[in-house]
Every structure is written in C-alpha cells, then in structure tokens.
C-alpha cells in the first residue's frame, strides 16, 4: 500500500496552539463525530473500557459517556492543551481519564480496551502503525470505529497551490483502498469501510485558510514550504481557486472515510483428529 509521512512534532504544536479556539470552527468535526457515534446504534456491545483516540477537546466523550454510563472512559490526544479542554467534559465524578500520547505508540497494556472510537485523527498518523496499536490494545471481540479523510479532501486547495509553486501545501491523505488494506494488514476481522463526500462553502479563500489555521489543521508534510506566504503568492492562489467558484461560493471538499473492524476472537483450540486408513 502507499503511505505518507507527517511531521508529528509540527502536528502536536499546531493542535496545542489551537486548543482554545478549536471548538469555535470545528463544525465539520462535530458533525462527523455525531454521525460516527450514531453508527453504534446497530452494535451489540457493552464495553467496560472505551478509548476516544485523538479526542481533541472531547466532543465525542459526552455522547460516549451517556451511551455507556458504566464504562471507564479514556481520552487520548497528542496535544496536552486539548486534553485540558476534554477534561472538563462530564460531571466531576465521571470525568474521563486523560492520557497524553501518540496513536502510533499507545501507552496502554495489550487487550485492555473494548471499544476504540477515533474521529478525524488517523490522517495525522502512520496508518499501519496506528492500526497495529489499536489491534494490540483491543480485547478479543473489541471494536474499532473511526473516521478519517480520504484523498479527495481539500482537492480544490491542492489544485490551486499546484498552479503557484511546487511545494506541497495540503497534508496528504490516503486512498480508500489503502485504508481497507491497512485494516487487513493489521489482522482485524470483518473490516467495513465506506465513504461520504461533504462540502463546506466560503465567500473567500482566506476564510477557509483561517478556519484551517484555527483548527490547527496545518500542512504537516516534512517538505512543506517554510516561512510566511508572500502577498503575491497568496493573490495567485486566490485567483487560481476562483476556478472552483459555483453559485457564488467557493467549495472546500472533504472525502470522509468511515471504518469499523473487530479484534478477532481467539480461535477455538481444535483437538487432533486421526484418520485411520485400512492396511
């Protein structure tokens, strides 16, 4: 499968700086979180321990605590200031256990979690590593449910920048088939993935770019352009983006990949069987 790399230190710093402003613009992220949680309606699972992987400010935690009131809830994020926001969710006696850690190296013992929910996080990870860690910490019969962004995400912005210079200005996203392959490679059982395409609209390109900055969703490619974007280049990008204007609005496309898969139950120990052939 193809893979991509992101500057994890840059990701951590970006989301740490965005923690206090994130909720003001995270409209899409909250919607995806709600849609992901709704998919648990058809799941027959009563988890003892639930992990919100990449919890951000903790929007999903409230719904997860309401759905599974008897479970222990863990909130993990790579950015400590995000956890400070998430820590405020719920009543004082039901606050989640917050853990600052990396999805690629979970600070959890093997087979200790029954349900992992991850919303709009895995695109910032080395996907095979993160899925292998999810598989490791899930108990047999445990469930992973997630959303991530596919290759068509922010395609208009990527195309506009490509007309201006040769640097990558949008973080890379994996193909739908790569996500499926990674689930199989991590030895999950019964993986299911599907895709949904959503579009946000803006009057100006600068409004989109302000939203991305406020979210902390900066370009995290290691070979990204460094330094400030000059006024001339910014105007060139805005002009290139105008090609996509439709009905008075500028679209920002998101290819949302939903996935779920199970940690397989241990194979039943089979008794040796002997077949006797006549002499």
C-alpha atoms as a PDB file:
ATOM      1  CA  UNK A   1       0.000   0.000   0.000  1.00  0.00           C
ATOM      2  CA  UNK A   2       1.067   3.606  -0.412  1.00  0.00           C
ATOM      3  CA  UNK A   3       1.824   5.520   2.754  1.00  0.00           C
ATOM      4  CA  UNK A   4       2.582   9.072   3.743  1.00  0.00           C
ATOM      5  CA  UNK A   5       4.553  10.821   6.433  1.00  0.00           C
ATOM      6  CA  UNK A   6       3.737  13.821   8.554  1.00  0.00           C
ATOM      7  CA  UNK A   7       5.851  15.916  10.883  1.00  0.00           C
ATOM      8  CA  UNK A   8       4.407  14.714  14.202  1.00  0.00           C
ATOM      9  CA  UNK A   9       6.129  17.422  16.243  1.00  0.00           C
ATOM     10  CA  UNK A  10       4.539  20.034  13.978  1.00  0.00           C
ATOM     11  CA  UNK A  11       1.141  18.350  14.363  1.00  0.00           C
ATOM     12  CA  UNK A  12       1.489  18.373  18.148  1.00  0.00           C
ATOM     13  CA  UNK A  13       2.448  22.048  18.277  1.00  0.00           C
ATOM     14  CA  UNK A  14      -0.316  23.075  15.868  1.00  0.00           C
ATOM     15  CA  UNK A  15      -3.102  21.394  17.814  1.00  0.00           C
ATOM     16  CA  UNK A  16      -1.687  22.557  21.131  1.00  0.00           C
ATOM     17  CA  UNK A  17      -1.900  26.163  19.939  1.00  0.00           C
ATOM     18  CA  UNK A  18      -5.418  25.609  18.570  1.00  0.00           C
ATOM     19  CA  UNK A  19      -6.924  24.053  21.704  1.00  0.00           C
ATOM     20  CA  UNK A  20      -8.629  27.201  22.974  1.00  0.00           C
ATOM     21  CA  UNK A  21     -10.052  28.189  19.572  1.00  0.00           C
ATOM     22  CA  UNK A  22     -10.813  24.757  18.105  1.00  0.00           C
ATOM     23  CA  UNK A  23     -14.475  24.463  19.109  1.00  0.00           C
ATOM     24  CA  UNK A  24     -15.358  27.804  17.514  1.00  0.00           C
ATOM     25  CA  UNK A  25     -14.752  26.455  13.988  1.00  0.00           C
ATOM     26  CA  UNK A  26     -14.934  22.636  14.323  1.00  0.00           C
ATOM     27  CA  UNK A  27     -18.366  22.387  12.714  1.00  0.00           C
ATOM     28  CA  UNK A  28     -17.449  19.537  10.369  1.00  0.00           C
ATOM     29  CA  UNK A  29     -15.541  17.630  13.051  1.00  0.00           C
ATOM     30  CA  UNK A  30     -18.507  17.757  15.433  1.00  0.00           C
ATOM     31  CA  UNK A  31     -20.884  16.597  12.702  1.00  0.00           C
ATOM     32  CA  UNK A  32     -18.632  13.663  11.829  1.00  0.00           C
ATOM     33  CA  UNK A  33     -18.326  12.765  15.492  1.00  0.00           C
ATOM     34  CA  UNK A  34     -22.113  12.694  15.885  1.00  0.00           C
ATOM     35  CA  UNK A  35     -22.536  10.569  12.759  1.00  0.00           C
ATOM     36  CA  UNK A  36     -19.866   8.163  13.951  1.00  0.00           C
ATOM     37  CA  UNK A  37     -21.469   7.771  17.373  1.00  0.00           C
ATOM     38  CA  UNK A  38     -24.853   7.136  15.716  1.00  0.00           C
ATOM     39  CA  UNK A  39     -23.348   4.114  13.989  1.00  0.00           C
ATOM     40  CA  UNK A  40     -23.000   2.475  17.390  1.00  0.00           C
ATOM     41  CA  UNK A  41     -26.806   2.105  17.424  1.00  0.00           C
ATOM     42  CA  UNK A  42     -26.511  -1.151  15.492  1.00  0.00           C
ATOM     43  CA  UNK A  43     -23.604  -2.507  17.535  1.00  0.00           C
ATOM     44  CA  UNK A  44     -24.362  -5.016  20.275  1.00  0.00           C
ATOM     45  CA  UNK A  45     -21.523  -4.232  22.624  1.00  0.00           C
ATOM     46  CA  UNK A  46     -21.374  -3.323  26.299  1.00  0.00           C
ATOM     47  CA  UNK A  47     -17.795  -2.189  26.790  1.00  0.00           C
ATOM     48  CA  UNK A  48     -16.067  -1.991  30.139  1.00  0.00           C
ATOM     49  CA  UNK A  49     -13.406   0.405  28.839  1.00  0.00           C
ATOM     50  CA  UNK A  50     -13.812   2.912  25.973  1.00  0.00           C
ATOM     51  CA  UNK A  51     -10.975   4.846  24.341  1.00  0.00           C
ATOM     52  CA  UNK A  52     -11.554   8.110  22.464  1.00  0.00           C
ATOM     53  CA  UNK A  53      -8.428   8.103  20.303  1.00  0.00           C
ATOM     54  CA  UNK A  54      -7.447  11.618  19.273  1.00  0.00           C
ATOM     55  CA  UNK A  55     -10.146  13.102  21.466  1.00  0.00           C
ATOM     56  CA  UNK A  56      -9.356  16.766  20.760  1.00  0.00           C
ATOM     57  CA  UNK A  57     -11.492  18.929  23.027  1.00  0.00           C
ATOM     58  CA  UNK A  58     -13.674  15.934  23.874  1.00  0.00           C
ATOM     59  CA  UNK A  59     -16.882  16.461  21.917  1.00  0.00           C
ATOM     60  CA  UNK A  60     -17.450  12.697  21.488  1.00  0.00           C
ATOM     61  CA  UNK A  61     -16.888  11.977  25.165  1.00  0.00           C
ATOM     62  CA  UNK A  62     -20.242  13.347  26.278  1.00  0.00           C
ATOM     63  CA  UNK A  63     -22.169  11.063  23.916  1.00  0.00           C
ATOM     64  CA  UNK A  64     -19.977   8.064  24.735  1.00  0.00           C
ATOM     65  CA  UNK A  65     -20.447   8.567  28.480  1.00  0.00           C
ATOM     66  CA  UNK A  66     -24.193   8.864  28.001  1.00  0.00           C
ATOM     67  CA  UNK A  67     -24.298   5.715  25.869  1.00  0.00           C
ATOM     68  CA  UNK A  68     -22.030   3.654  28.119  1.00  0.00           C
ATOM     69  CA  UNK A  69     -22.521   5.062  31.656  1.00  0.00           C
ATOM     70  CA  UNK A  70     -20.941   2.066  33.397  1.00  0.00           C
ATOM     71  CA  UNK A  71     -17.764   2.032  31.296  1.00  0.00           C
ATOM     72  CA  UNK A  72     -14.436   3.600  32.125  1.00  0.00           C
ATOM     73  CA  UNK A  73     -13.705   6.302  29.556  1.00  0.00           C
ATOM     74  CA  UNK A  74     -10.190   7.096  28.363  1.00  0.00           C
ATOM     75  CA  UNK A  75      -9.394  10.239  26.373  1.00  0.00           C
ATOM     76  CA  UNK A  76      -6.097  10.241  24.482  1.00  0.00           C
ATOM     77  CA  UNK A  77      -4.566  13.044  22.450  1.00  0.00           C
ATOM     78  CA  UNK A  78      -1.085  14.002  21.331  1.00  0.00           C
ATOM     79  CA  UNK A  79      -1.603  17.658  22.372  1.00  0.00           C
ATOM     80  CA  UNK A  80      -1.768  18.268  26.122  1.00  0.00           C
ATOM     81  CA  UNK A  81      -3.783  21.534  25.876  1.00  0.00           C
ATOM     82  CA  UNK A  82      -6.506  19.619  24.014  1.00  0.00           C
ATOM     83  CA  UNK A  83      -6.744  17.240  26.965  1.00  0.00           C
ATOM     84  CA  UNK A  84      -7.173  20.164  29.344  1.00  0.00           C
ATOM     85  CA  UNK A  85     -10.277  21.102  27.336  1.00  0.00           C
ATOM     86  CA  UNK A  86     -11.516  17.493  27.222  1.00  0.00           C
ATOM     87  CA  UNK A  87     -11.012  17.102  30.966  1.00  0.00           C
ATOM     88  CA  UNK A  88     -13.903  19.499  31.543  1.00  0.00           C
ATOM     89  CA  UNK A  89     -16.423  17.170  29.919  1.00  0.00           C
ATOM     90  CA  UNK A  90     -18.945  15.440  32.152  1.00  0.00           C
ATOM     91  CA  UNK A  91     -19.619  15.694  35.869  1.00  0.00           C
ATOM     92  CA  UNK A  92     -16.678  15.725  38.248  1.00  0.00           C
ATOM     93  CA  UNK A  93     -17.329  12.109  39.264  1.00  0.00           C
ATOM     94  CA  UNK A  94     -17.471  10.963  35.624  1.00  0.00           C
ATOM     95  CA  UNK A  95     -14.530  12.830  34.170  1.00  0.00           C
ATOM     96  CA  UNK A  96     -12.581  10.811  31.607  1.00  0.00           C
ATOM     97  CA  UNK A  97      -9.096   9.547  32.340  1.00  0.00           C
ATOM     98  CA  UNK A  98      -6.959  11.774  30.116  1.00  0.00           C
ATOM     99  CA  UNK A  99      -3.779  10.423  28.563  1.00  0.00           C
ATOM    100  CA  UNK A 100      -1.269  12.439  26.546  1.00  0.00           C
ATOM    101  CA  UNK A 101       0.124  10.026  23.986  1.00  0.00           C
ATOM    102  CA  UNK A 102       0.674   9.083  20.375  1.00  0.00           C
ATOM    103  CA  UNK A 103      -1.709   6.800  18.473  1.00  0.00           C
ATOM    104  CA  UNK A 104       1.350   5.124  16.932  1.00  0.00           C
ATOM    105  CA  UNK A 105       2.629   4.080  20.378  1.00  0.00           C
ATOM    106  CA  UNK A 106      -0.296   3.776  22.753  1.00  0.00           C
ATOM    107  CA  UNK A 107       0.661   3.857  26.444  1.00  0.00           C
ATOM    108  CA  UNK A 108      -1.804   1.057  27.208  1.00  0.00           C
ATOM    109  CA  UNK A 109      -1.354  -2.612  28.015  1.00  0.00           C
ATOM    110  CA  UNK A 110      -2.379  -5.237  25.457  1.00  0.00           C
ATOM    111  CA  UNK A 111      -6.003  -6.386  25.380  1.00  0.00           C
ATOM    112  CA  UNK A 112      -7.313  -3.787  27.844  1.00  0.00           C
ATOM    113  CA  UNK A 113      -9.878  -1.832  25.769  1.00  0.00           C
ATOM    114  CA  UNK A 114     -13.272  -2.962  24.463  1.00  0.00           C
ATOM    115  CA  UNK A 115     -14.139  -0.061  22.161  1.00  0.00           C
ATOM    116  CA  UNK A 116     -11.971   2.483  20.345  1.00  0.00           C
ATOM    117  CA  UNK A 117     -13.651   5.478  18.724  1.00  0.00           C
ATOM    118  CA  UNK A 118     -11.476   7.793  16.645  1.00  0.00           C
ATOM    119  CA  UNK A 119     -12.800  10.812  14.784  1.00  0.00           C
ATOM    120  CA  UNK A 120     -10.732  12.728  12.204  1.00  0.00           C
ATOM    121  CA  UNK A 121      -7.418  11.652  13.719  1.00  0.00           C
ATOM    122  CA  UNK A 122      -5.842   8.823  11.750  1.00  0.00           C
ATOM    123  CA  UNK A 123      -4.918  11.081   8.815  1.00  0.00           C
ATOM    124  CA  UNK A 124      -2.259  12.581  11.101  1.00  0.00           C
ATOM    125  CA  UNK A 125      -0.707   9.167  11.740  1.00  0.00           C
ATOM    126  CA  UNK A 126       1.286   6.471  10.060  1.00  0.00           C
ATOM    127  CA  UNK A 127      -1.859   4.434   9.481  1.00  0.00           C
ATOM    128  CA  UNK A 128      -0.378   0.892   9.617  1.00  0.00           C
ATOM    129  CA  UNK A 129       1.381   1.719  12.903  1.00  0.00           C
ATOM    130  CA  UNK A 130      -1.709   3.279  14.460  1.00  0.00           C
ATOM    131  CA  UNK A 131      -3.967   0.401  13.425  1.00  0.00           C
ATOM    132  CA  UNK A 132      -1.472  -2.146  14.724  1.00  0.00           C
ATOM    133  CA  UNK A 133      -1.549  -0.361  18.087  1.00  0.00           C
ATOM    134  CA  UNK A 134      -5.355  -0.333  18.108  1.00  0.00           C
ATOM    135  CA  UNK A 135      -5.347  -4.057  17.379  1.00  0.00           C
ATOM    136  CA  UNK A 136      -2.850  -4.636  20.190  1.00  0.00           C
ATOM    137  CA  UNK A 137      -4.829  -2.860  22.925  1.00  0.00           C
ATOM    138  CA  UNK A 138      -8.269  -4.184  21.941  1.00  0.00           C
ATOM    139  CA  UNK A 139      -9.596  -7.189  23.764  1.00  0.00           C
ATOM    140  CA  UNK A 140     -10.756 -10.127  21.622  1.00  0.00           C
ATOM    141  CA  UNK A 141     -14.181  -9.180  20.313  1.00  0.00           C
ATOM    142  CA  UNK A 142     -13.412  -5.483  20.765  1.00  0.00           C
ATOM    143  CA  UNK A 143     -14.400  -2.902  18.168  1.00  0.00           C
ATOM    144  CA  UNK A 144     -12.604  -0.075  16.371  1.00  0.00           C
ATOM    145  CA  UNK A 145     -14.770   2.641  14.790  1.00  0.00           C
ATOM    146  CA  UNK A 146     -13.250   5.648  13.062  1.00  0.00           C
ATOM    147  CA  UNK A 147     -13.475   8.422  10.536  1.00  0.00           C
ATOM    148  CA  UNK A 148     -10.554   9.774   8.571  1.00  0.00           C
ATOM    149  CA  UNK A 149     -10.117  11.890   5.476  1.00  0.00           C
ATOM    150  CA  UNK A 150      -9.518  10.424   2.026  1.00  0.00           C
ATOM    151  CA  UNK A 151      -7.530  11.585  -0.959  1.00  0.00           C
ATOM    152  CA  UNK A 152     -10.246  13.877  -2.331  1.00  0.00           C
ATOM    153  CA  UNK A 153     -10.111  16.115   0.752  1.00  0.00           C
ATOM    154  CA  UNK A 154      -9.313  19.787   0.044  1.00  0.00           C
ATOM    155  CA  UNK A 155      -8.681  18.898  -3.594  1.00  0.00           C
ATOM    156  CA  UNK A 156      -9.552  22.434  -4.718  1.00  0.00           C
ATOM    157  CA  UNK A 157      -6.932  23.947  -2.410  1.00  0.00           C
ATOM    158  CA  UNK A 158      -4.342  21.417  -3.533  1.00  0.00           C
ATOM    159  CA  UNK A 159      -5.017  22.182  -7.204  1.00  0.00           C
ATOM    160  CA  UNK A 160      -4.852  25.944  -6.664  1.00  0.00           C
ATOM    161  CA  UNK A 161      -1.494  25.765  -4.924  1.00  0.00           C
ATOM    162  CA  UNK A 162      -0.131  23.444  -7.611  1.00  0.00           C
ATOM    163  CA  UNK A 163      -0.541  26.303 -10.093  1.00  0.00           C
ATOM    164  CA  UNK A 164       1.568  28.611  -7.955  1.00  0.00           C
ATOM    165  CA  UNK A 165       4.595  26.605  -6.801  1.00  0.00           C
ATOM    166  CA  UNK A 166       5.958  23.082  -6.479  1.00  0.00           C
ATOM    167  CA  UNK A 167       5.682  22.715  -2.707  1.00  0.00           C
ATOM    168  CA  UNK A 168       3.015  20.572  -1.020  1.00  0.00           C
ATOM    169  CA  UNK A 169       0.637  22.925   0.804  1.00  0.00           C
ATOM    170  CA  UNK A 170      -2.012  20.379   1.830  1.00  0.00           C
ATOM    171  CA  UNK A 171      -1.274  17.395   4.032  1.00  0.00           C
ATOM    172  CA  UNK A 172      -1.537  14.084   2.150  1.00  0.00           C
ATOM    173  CA  UNK A 173      -4.481  11.751   2.595  1.00  0.00           C
ATOM    174  CA  UNK A 174      -4.725   8.040   1.893  1.00  0.00           C
ATOM    175  CA  UNK A 175      -6.836   6.360  -0.736  1.00  0.00           C
ATOM    176  CA  UNK A 176      -9.941   4.477   0.391  1.00  0.00           C
ATOM    177  CA  UNK A 177      -8.405   1.174  -0.717  1.00  0.00           C
ATOM    178  CA  UNK A 178      -5.246   1.864   1.282  1.00  0.00           C
ATOM    179  CA  UNK A 179      -7.320   2.209   4.437  1.00  0.00           C
ATOM    180  CA  UNK A 180      -9.009  -1.133   3.770  1.00  0.00           C
ATOM    181  CA  UNK A 181      -5.679  -2.801   3.058  1.00  0.00           C
ATOM    182  CA  UNK A 182      -4.232  -1.423   6.295  1.00  0.00           C
ATOM    183  CA  UNK A 183      -7.097  -2.915   8.335  1.00  0.00           C
ATOM    184  CA  UNK A 184      -6.481  -6.318   6.786  1.00  0.00           C
ATOM    185  CA  UNK A 185      -2.733  -5.973   7.298  1.00  0.00           C
ATOM    186  CA  UNK A 186      -3.322  -5.216  10.987  1.00  0.00           C
ATOM    187  CA  UNK A 187      -5.267  -8.518  11.247  1.00  0.00           C
ATOM    188  CA  UNK A 188      -8.645  -7.034  12.065  1.00  0.00           C
ATOM    189  CA  UNK A 189     -11.709  -9.178  11.455  1.00  0.00           C
ATOM    190  CA  UNK A 190     -14.667  -8.215   9.261  1.00  0.00           C
ATOM    191  CA  UNK A 191     -13.421  -4.753   8.252  1.00  0.00           C
ATOM    192  CA  UNK A 192     -16.012  -2.474   6.655  1.00  0.00           C
ATOM    193  CA  UNK A 193     -15.304   0.907   5.081  1.00  0.00           C
ATOM    194  CA  UNK A 194     -17.475   3.361   3.200  1.00  0.00           C
ATOM    195  CA  UNK A 195     -17.090   6.921   2.009  1.00  0.00           C
ATOM    196  CA  UNK A 196     -19.130  10.115   2.129  1.00  0.00           C
ATOM    197  CA  UNK A 197     -18.348  13.369   0.337  1.00  0.00           C
ATOM    198  CA  UNK A 198     -19.174  16.618   2.089  1.00  0.00           C
ATOM    199  CA  UNK A 199     -18.610  20.209   1.031  1.00  0.00           C
ATOM    200  CA  UNK A 200     -18.197  23.374   3.054  1.00  0.00           C
ATOM    201  CA  UNK A 201     -18.629  26.700   1.278  1.00  0.00           C
ATOM    202  CA  UNK A 202     -16.903  30.038   1.733  1.00  0.00           C
ATOM    203  CA  UNK A 203     -17.140  33.504   0.272  1.00  0.00           C
ATOM    204  CA  UNK A 204     -13.368  33.961   0.276  1.00  0.00           C
ATOM    205  CA  UNK A 205     -10.421  31.587   0.211  1.00  0.00           C
ATOM    206  CA  UNK A 206      -8.933  33.423   3.156  1.00  0.00           C
ATOM    207  CA  UNK A 207     -11.925  32.393   5.279  1.00  0.00           C
ATOM    208  CA  UNK A 208     -11.148  28.720   4.595  1.00  0.00           C
ATOM    209  CA  UNK A 209      -7.492  29.192   5.405  1.00  0.00           C
ATOM    210  CA  UNK A 210      -8.327  30.994   8.659  1.00  0.00           C
ATOM    211  CA  UNK A 211     -10.598  28.086   9.642  1.00  0.00           C
ATOM    212  CA  UNK A 212      -7.848  25.546   8.942  1.00  0.00           C
ATOM    213  CA  UNK A 213      -5.362  27.561  10.969  1.00  0.00           C
ATOM    214  CA  UNK A 214      -7.823  27.967  13.847  1.00  0.00           C
ATOM    215  CA  UNK A 215      -8.436  24.205  13.846  1.00  0.00           C
ATOM    216  CA  UNK A 216      -4.714  23.501  13.965  1.00  0.00           C
ATOM    217  CA  UNK A 217      -5.023  21.627  10.661  1.00  0.00           C
ATOM    218  CA  UNK A 218      -1.793  22.949   9.232  1.00  0.00           C
ATOM    219  CA  UNK A 219       0.174  21.408   6.393  1.00  0.00           C
ATOM    220  CA  UNK A 220       2.327  18.805   8.164  1.00  0.00           C
ATOM    221  CA  UNK A 221       4.353  17.398   5.283  1.00  0.00           C
ATOM    222  CA  UNK A 222       8.080  17.326   6.098  1.00  0.00           C
ATOM    223  CA  UNK A 223       8.987  19.014   2.781  1.00  0.00           C
ATOM    224  CA  UNK A 224       6.454  21.840   3.145  1.00  0.00           C
ATOM    225  CA  UNK A 225       7.470  25.390   2.255  1.00  0.00           C
ATOM    226  CA  UNK A 226       8.918  27.253   5.236  1.00  0.00           C
ATOM    227  CA  UNK A 227       8.364  30.870   6.150  1.00  0.00           C
ATOM    228  CA  UNK A 228       5.493  33.244   5.506  1.00  0.00           C
ATOM    229  CA  UNK A 229       3.395  33.217   2.346  1.00  0.00           C
ATOM    230  CA  UNK A 230       4.017  36.452   0.446  1.00  0.00           C
ATOM    231  CA  UNK A 231       1.178  38.661  -0.701  1.00  0.00           C
ATOM    232  CA  UNK A 232       1.905  37.991  -4.386  1.00  0.00           C
ATOM    233  CA  UNK A 233       1.730  34.221  -3.980  1.00  0.00           C
ATOM    234  CA  UNK A 234      -1.399  34.480  -1.846  1.00  0.00           C
ATOM    235  CA  UNK A 235      -3.139  36.532  -4.523  1.00  0.00           C
ATOM    236  CA  UNK A 236      -2.090  33.973  -7.150  1.00  0.00           C
ATOM    237  CA  UNK A 237      -3.612  31.144  -5.098  1.00  0.00           C
ATOM    238  CA  UNK A 238      -6.830  33.092  -4.619  1.00  0.00           C
ATOM    239  CA  UNK A 239      -7.053  33.684  -8.344  1.00  0.00           C
ATOM    240  CA  UNK A 240      -6.453  30.004  -9.109  1.00  0.00           C
ATOM    241  CA  UNK A 241      -9.096  28.957  -6.569  1.00  0.00           C
ATOM    242  CA  UNK A 242     -11.693  31.132  -8.285  1.00  0.00           C
ATOM    243  CA  UNK A 243     -11.928  28.452 -10.992  1.00  0.00           C
ATOM    244  CA  UNK A 244     -13.944  26.374  -8.496  1.00  0.00           C
ATOM    245  CA  UNK A 245     -16.464  29.071  -7.546  1.00  0.00           C
ATOM    246  CA  UNK A 246     -20.018  27.842  -8.068  1.00  0.00           C
ATOM    247  CA  UNK A 247     -23.281  29.675  -7.434  1.00  0.00           C
ATOM    248  CA  UNK A 248     -21.334  32.457  -5.768  1.00  0.00           C
ATOM    249  CA  UNK A 249     -19.488  30.220  -3.287  1.00  0.00           C
ATOM    250  CA  UNK A 250     -16.050  28.646  -3.060  1.00  0.00           C
ATOM    251  CA  UNK A 251     -16.257  24.933  -2.185  1.00  0.00           C
ATOM    252  CA  UNK A 252     -13.954  23.007   0.133  1.00  0.00           C
ATOM    253  CA  UNK A 253     -14.433  19.286  -0.449  1.00  0.00           C
ATOM    254  CA  UNK A 254     -13.959  16.596   2.175  1.00  0.00           C
ATOM    255  CA  UNK A 255     -13.841  12.888   1.398  1.00  0.00           C
ATOM    256  CA  UNK A 256     -14.829  11.242   4.669  1.00  0.00           C
ATOM    257  CA  UNK A 257     -13.929   7.593   5.173  1.00  0.00           C
ATOM    258  CA  UNK A 258     -15.869   5.656   7.810  1.00  0.00           C
ATOM    259  CA  UNK A 259     -14.479   2.371   9.024  1.00  0.00           C
ATOM    260  CA  UNK A 260     -15.083  -0.278  11.613  1.00  0.00           C
ATOM    261  CA  UNK A 261     -13.463  -3.612  12.331  1.00  0.00           C
ATOM    262  CA  UNK A 262     -13.275  -6.157  15.131  1.00  0.00           C
ATOM    263  CA  UNK A 263     -10.429  -7.651  17.098  1.00  0.00           C
ATOM    264  CA  UNK A 264     -10.805 -11.350  16.281  1.00  0.00           C
ATOM    265  CA  UNK A 265     -11.832 -13.834  18.912  1.00  0.00           C
ATOM    266  CA  UNK A 266      -9.144 -16.427  19.656  1.00  0.00           C
ATOM    267  CA  UNK A 267      -9.513 -19.485  17.503  1.00  0.00           C
ATOM    268  CA  UNK A 268     -11.019 -22.374  19.347  1.00  0.00           C
ATOM    269  CA  UNK A 269      -8.428 -24.952  20.248  1.00  0.00           C
ATOM    270  CA  UNK A 270      -9.024 -27.841  17.944  1.00  0.00           C
ATOM    271  CA  UNK A 271      -8.464 -31.414  19.053  1.00  0.00           C
ATOM    272  CA  UNK A 272      -6.168 -33.503  16.973  1.00  0.00           C
ATOM    273  CA  UNK A 273      -8.060 -35.892  14.775  1.00  0.00           C
ATOM    274  CA  UNK A 274      -6.593 -39.046  13.387  1.00  0.00           C
ATOM    275  CA  UNK A 275      -7.791 -40.789  10.281  1.00  0.00           C
ATOM    276  CA  UNK A 276      -7.091 -44.483  10.024  1.00  0.00           C
ATOM    277  CA  UNK A 277      -6.644 -45.988   6.623  1.00  0.00           C
ATOM    278  CA  UNK A 278      -7.079 -49.737   6.117  1.00  0.00           C
ATOM    279  CA  UNK A 279      -3.867 -51.762   5.798  1.00  0.00           C
END
